[in-house]
């Protein structure tokens, strides 16, 4: 089971503690998390079920490539980090 961690800046907007979730890809892992925490879904995904522009997902420190289908593979020992993408300068 992958560990899923939501950063503190996301948790200011919606409660989503770290959890473990099964799944072979990012979509399946997040779907399992959202089954237990449906309020987080609307903050992380848009109405087309793709990642919102302000959200970034990393698997073991590597940013995912597929922001639409969320098809990047996730191993059972991975840590999936979900964070708000910050911009500015």
N, C-alpha and C. Protein backbone atom coordinates (compact mmCIF):
# COMPACT_ATOMS: atom_id res chain seq x y z
N UNK A 1 0.83 -1.17 0.00
CA UNK A 1 0.00 0.00 0.00
C UNK A 1 0.88 1.25 0.00
N UNK A 2 0.54 2.20 -0.82
CA UNK A 2 1.30 3.44 -0.89
C UNK A 2 0.89 4.37 0.25
N UNK A 3 1.83 5.15 0.71
CA UNK A 3 1.53 6.18 1.70
C UNK A 3 1.20 7.45 0.93
N UNK A 4 0.14 8.15 1.33
CA UNK A 4 -0.28 9.38 0.67
C UNK A 4 -0.21 10.51 1.69
N UNK A 5 0.56 11.55 1.34
CA UNK A 5 0.79 12.67 2.25
C UNK A 5 0.32 13.95 1.57
N UNK A 6 -0.53 14.68 2.26
CA UNK A 6 -0.99 16.00 1.80
C UNK A 6 -0.24 17.05 2.61
N UNK A 7 0.33 18.03 1.93
CA UNK A 7 1.12 19.04 2.62
C UNK A 7 0.24 19.96 3.45
N UNK A 8 0.88 20.65 4.38
CA UNK A 8 0.17 21.53 5.31
C UNK A 8 -0.59 22.64 4.59
N UNK A 9 -0.05 23.15 3.48
CA UNK A 9 -0.75 24.23 2.78
C UNK A 9 -2.08 23.76 2.20
N UNK A 10 -2.21 22.51 1.84
CA UNK A 10 -3.50 21.98 1.40
C UNK A 10 -4.42 21.77 2.60
N UNK A 11 -3.86 21.30 3.69
CA UNK A 11 -4.67 21.02 4.87
C UNK A 11 -5.25 22.29 5.51
N UNK A 12 -4.75 23.44 5.15
CA UNK A 12 -5.37 24.69 5.61
C UNK A 12 -6.74 24.87 4.98
N UNK A 13 -6.96 24.25 3.82
CA UNK A 13 -8.21 24.41 3.08
C UNK A 13 -9.16 23.22 3.25
N UNK A 14 -8.60 22.04 3.39
CA UNK A 14 -9.42 20.84 3.53
C UNK A 14 -8.64 19.83 4.37
N UNK A 15 -9.32 19.23 5.32
CA UNK A 15 -8.65 18.27 6.19
C UNK A 15 -8.36 16.98 5.42
N UNK A 16 -7.10 16.61 5.37
CA UNK A 16 -6.72 15.37 4.69
C UNK A 16 -5.42 14.85 5.31
N UNK A 17 -5.54 14.11 6.38
CA UNK A 17 -4.35 13.56 7.04
C UNK A 17 -3.67 12.50 6.17
N UNK A 18 -2.41 12.26 6.47
CA UNK A 18 -1.67 11.22 5.77
C UNK A 18 -2.39 9.89 5.95
N UNK A 19 -2.36 9.07 4.91
CA UNK A 19 -3.06 7.80 4.94
C UNK A 19 -2.36 6.81 4.02
N UNK A 20 -2.78 5.58 4.07
CA UNK A 20 -2.29 4.55 3.15
C UNK A 20 -3.43 4.18 2.21
N UNK A 21 -3.07 3.93 0.95
CA UNK A 21 -4.09 3.58 -0.04
C UNK A 21 -3.51 2.63 -1.07
N UNK A 22 -4.35 1.71 -1.52
CA UNK A 22 -3.95 0.78 -2.56
C UNK A 22 -4.19 1.38 -3.92
N UNK A 23 -3.48 0.87 -4.91
CA UNK A 23 -3.68 1.28 -6.29
C UNK A 23 -2.41 1.11 -7.09
N UNK A 24 -2.58 0.78 -8.36
CA UNK A 24 -1.44 0.57 -9.24
C UNK A 24 -0.98 1.85 -9.93
N UNK A 25 -1.85 2.87 -9.93
CA UNK A 25 -1.47 4.15 -10.51
C UNK A 25 -2.03 5.28 -9.65
N UNK A 26 -1.66 6.51 -9.99
CA UNK A 26 -2.07 7.66 -9.19
C UNK A 26 -3.59 7.75 -9.11
N UNK A 27 -4.28 7.52 -10.22
CA UNK A 27 -5.75 7.59 -10.24
C UNK A 27 -6.36 6.66 -9.19
N UNK A 28 -5.92 5.40 -9.19
CA UNK A 28 -6.49 4.42 -8.26
C UNK A 28 -6.16 4.77 -6.82
N UNK A 29 -4.95 5.20 -6.57
CA UNK A 29 -4.56 5.58 -5.21
C UNK A 29 -5.42 6.75 -4.72
N UNK A 30 -5.53 7.81 -5.54
CA UNK A 30 -6.32 8.96 -5.12
C UNK A 30 -7.80 8.62 -5.00
N UNK A 31 -8.31 7.81 -5.90
CA UNK A 31 -9.72 7.40 -5.79
C UNK A 31 -9.98 6.70 -4.46
N UNK A 32 -9.05 5.86 -4.04
CA UNK A 32 -9.21 5.17 -2.75
C UNK A 32 -9.14 6.15 -1.58
N UNK A 33 -8.28 7.15 -1.68
CA UNK A 33 -8.21 8.18 -0.64
C UNK A 33 -9.53 8.95 -0.60
N UNK A 34 -10.04 9.32 -1.77
CA UNK A 34 -11.26 10.14 -1.84
C UNK A 34 -12.51 9.38 -1.40
N UNK A 35 -12.47 8.05 -1.48
CA UNK A 35 -13.59 7.27 -0.95
C UNK A 35 -13.75 7.50 0.55
N UNK A 36 -12.62 7.61 1.22
CA UNK A 36 -12.63 7.85 2.66
C UNK A 36 -12.74 9.34 2.99
N UNK A 37 -12.33 10.20 2.06
CA UNK A 37 -12.30 11.64 2.31
C UNK A 37 -12.83 12.38 1.07
N UNK A 38 -14.13 12.34 0.83
CA UNK A 38 -14.69 12.95 -0.39
C UNK A 38 -14.52 14.46 -0.46
N UNK A 39 -14.36 15.15 0.67
CA UNK A 39 -14.17 16.59 0.63
C UNK A 39 -12.85 16.99 -0.03
N UNK A 40 -11.86 16.14 0.03
CA UNK A 40 -10.56 16.44 -0.57
C UNK A 40 -10.62 16.39 -2.10
N UNK A 41 -11.50 15.58 -2.64
CA UNK A 41 -11.59 15.41 -4.09
C UNK A 41 -11.77 16.73 -4.84
N UNK A 42 -12.70 17.54 -4.41
CA UNK A 42 -12.99 18.79 -5.10
C UNK A 42 -11.87 19.80 -5.03
N UNK A 43 -11.02 19.69 -4.03
CA UNK A 43 -9.89 20.61 -3.93
C UNK A 43 -8.71 20.14 -4.78
N UNK A 44 -8.58 18.84 -4.96
CA UNK A 44 -7.44 18.26 -5.69
C UNK A 44 -7.74 18.10 -7.18
N UNK A 45 -8.96 17.67 -7.51
CA UNK A 45 -9.32 17.40 -8.90
C UNK A 45 -10.33 18.41 -9.41
N UNK A 46 -10.28 18.69 -10.71
CA UNK A 46 -11.27 19.59 -11.31
C UNK A 46 -12.51 18.80 -11.73
N UNK A 47 -13.45 19.45 -12.40
CA UNK A 47 -14.70 18.78 -12.77
C UNK A 47 -14.52 17.75 -13.89
N UNK A 48 -13.34 17.69 -14.49
CA UNK A 48 -13.02 16.66 -15.48
C UNK A 48 -12.20 15.53 -14.87
N UNK A 49 -12.01 15.55 -13.55
CA UNK A 49 -11.26 14.56 -12.78
C UNK A 49 -9.76 14.59 -13.07
N UNK A 50 -9.26 15.72 -13.58
CA UNK A 50 -7.82 15.93 -13.76
C UNK A 50 -7.31 16.76 -12.59
N UNK A 51 -5.99 16.77 -12.40
CA UNK A 51 -5.44 17.59 -11.33
C UNK A 51 -5.72 19.06 -11.59
N UNK A 52 -6.08 19.77 -10.55
CA UNK A 52 -6.24 21.22 -10.68
C UNK A 52 -4.88 21.84 -10.97
N UNK A 53 -4.89 22.99 -11.61
CA UNK A 53 -3.64 23.66 -12.00
C UNK A 53 -2.76 23.98 -10.81
N UNK A 54 -3.35 24.25 -9.67
CA UNK A 54 -2.57 24.65 -8.49
C UNK A 54 -2.10 23.46 -7.65
N UNK A 55 -2.28 22.23 -8.14
CA UNK A 55 -1.90 21.04 -7.38
C UNK A 55 -0.78 20.31 -8.11
N UNK A 56 0.20 19.85 -7.34
CA UNK A 56 1.28 19.02 -7.87
C UNK A 56 1.32 17.71 -7.11
N UNK A 57 1.63 16.63 -7.81
CA UNK A 57 1.73 15.31 -7.19
C UNK A 57 3.10 14.73 -7.52
N UNK A 58 3.75 14.21 -6.50
CA UNK A 58 5.05 13.57 -6.64
C UNK A 58 4.94 12.15 -6.13
N UNK A 59 5.65 11.25 -6.80
CA UNK A 59 5.80 9.87 -6.33
C UNK A 59 7.26 9.70 -5.97
N UNK A 60 7.54 9.51 -4.69
CA UNK A 60 8.93 9.38 -4.23
C UNK A 60 9.82 10.47 -4.82
N UNK A 61 9.40 11.71 -4.72
CA UNK A 61 10.17 12.90 -5.12
C UNK A 61 10.24 13.14 -6.62
N UNK A 62 9.49 12.39 -7.42
CA UNK A 62 9.46 12.59 -8.86
C UNK A 62 8.06 13.06 -9.25
N UNK A 63 7.99 14.22 -9.90
CA UNK A 63 6.69 14.77 -10.29
C UNK A 63 6.04 13.87 -11.33
N UNK A 64 4.74 13.65 -11.17
CA UNK A 64 4.04 12.81 -12.15
C UNK A 64 3.98 13.53 -13.50
N UNK A 65 3.85 12.75 -14.55
CA UNK A 65 3.79 13.31 -15.91
C UNK A 65 2.37 13.48 -16.40
N UNK A 66 1.51 12.56 -16.04
CA UNK A 66 0.14 12.55 -16.56
C UNK A 66 -0.81 13.23 -15.57
N UNK A 67 -1.07 14.50 -15.80
CA UNK A 67 -1.94 15.28 -14.92
C UNK A 67 -3.42 15.11 -15.25
N UNK A 68 -3.72 14.47 -16.39
CA UNK A 68 -5.11 14.33 -16.82
C UNK A 68 -5.66 12.96 -16.44
N UNK A 69 -5.03 11.90 -16.91
CA UNK A 69 -5.52 10.54 -16.61
C UNK A 69 -4.94 10.00 -15.31
N UNK A 70 -3.86 10.62 -14.82
CA UNK A 70 -3.20 10.20 -13.58
C UNK A 70 -2.74 8.74 -13.67
N UNK A 71 -2.14 8.40 -14.81
CA UNK A 71 -1.77 7.02 -15.09
C UNK A 71 -0.36 6.63 -14.64
N UNK A 72 0.37 7.55 -14.02
CA UNK A 72 1.72 7.20 -13.56
C UNK A 72 1.64 6.04 -12.57
N UNK A 73 2.51 5.03 -12.73
CA UNK A 73 2.45 3.86 -11.84
C UNK A 73 2.90 4.19 -10.42
N UNK A 74 2.31 3.50 -9.46
CA UNK A 74 2.65 3.67 -8.05
C UNK A 74 2.96 2.29 -7.47
N UNK A 75 4.15 2.14 -6.90
CA UNK A 75 4.49 0.86 -6.27
C UNK A 75 3.87 0.81 -4.87
N UNK A 76 3.78 -0.38 -4.35
CA UNK A 76 3.19 -0.57 -3.02
C UNK A 76 3.99 0.04 -1.90
N UNK A 77 5.26 0.37 -2.16
CA UNK A 77 6.10 0.97 -1.13
C UNK A 77 6.33 2.46 -1.36
N UNK A 78 5.66 3.04 -2.33
CA UNK A 78 5.87 4.44 -2.68
C UNK A 78 5.22 5.38 -1.67
N UNK A 79 5.72 6.60 -1.68
CA UNK A 79 5.07 7.69 -0.97
C UNK A 79 4.60 8.69 -2.01
N UNK A 80 3.31 8.99 -1.98
CA UNK A 80 2.70 9.95 -2.92
C UNK A 80 2.48 11.24 -2.16
N UNK A 81 3.10 12.32 -2.65
CA UNK A 81 2.97 13.62 -2.03
C UNK A 81 2.03 14.47 -2.87
N UNK A 82 1.03 15.05 -2.22
CA UNK A 82 0.09 15.93 -2.91
C UNK A 82 0.28 17.31 -2.29
N UNK A 83 0.59 18.29 -3.14
CA UNK A 83 0.89 19.63 -2.63
C UNK A 83 0.30 20.71 -3.50
N UNK A 84 0.15 21.85 -2.90
CA UNK A 84 -0.31 23.01 -3.65
C UNK A 84 0.91 23.60 -4.33
N UNK A 85 0.81 23.79 -5.65
CA UNK A 85 1.91 24.38 -6.41
C UNK A 85 1.90 25.87 -6.14
N UNK A 86 3.02 26.38 -5.67
CA UNK A 86 3.14 27.80 -5.36
C UNK A 86 3.92 28.50 -6.46
N UNK A 87 3.53 29.71 -6.76
CA UNK A 87 4.25 30.48 -7.77
C UNK A 87 4.55 31.84 -7.21
N UNK A 88 5.35 32.56 -7.92
CA UNK A 88 5.71 33.90 -7.47
C UNK A 88 7.18 34.15 -7.71
N UNK A 89 7.61 35.25 -7.26
CA UNK A 89 9.02 35.53 -7.49
C UNK A 89 9.53 36.64 -6.64
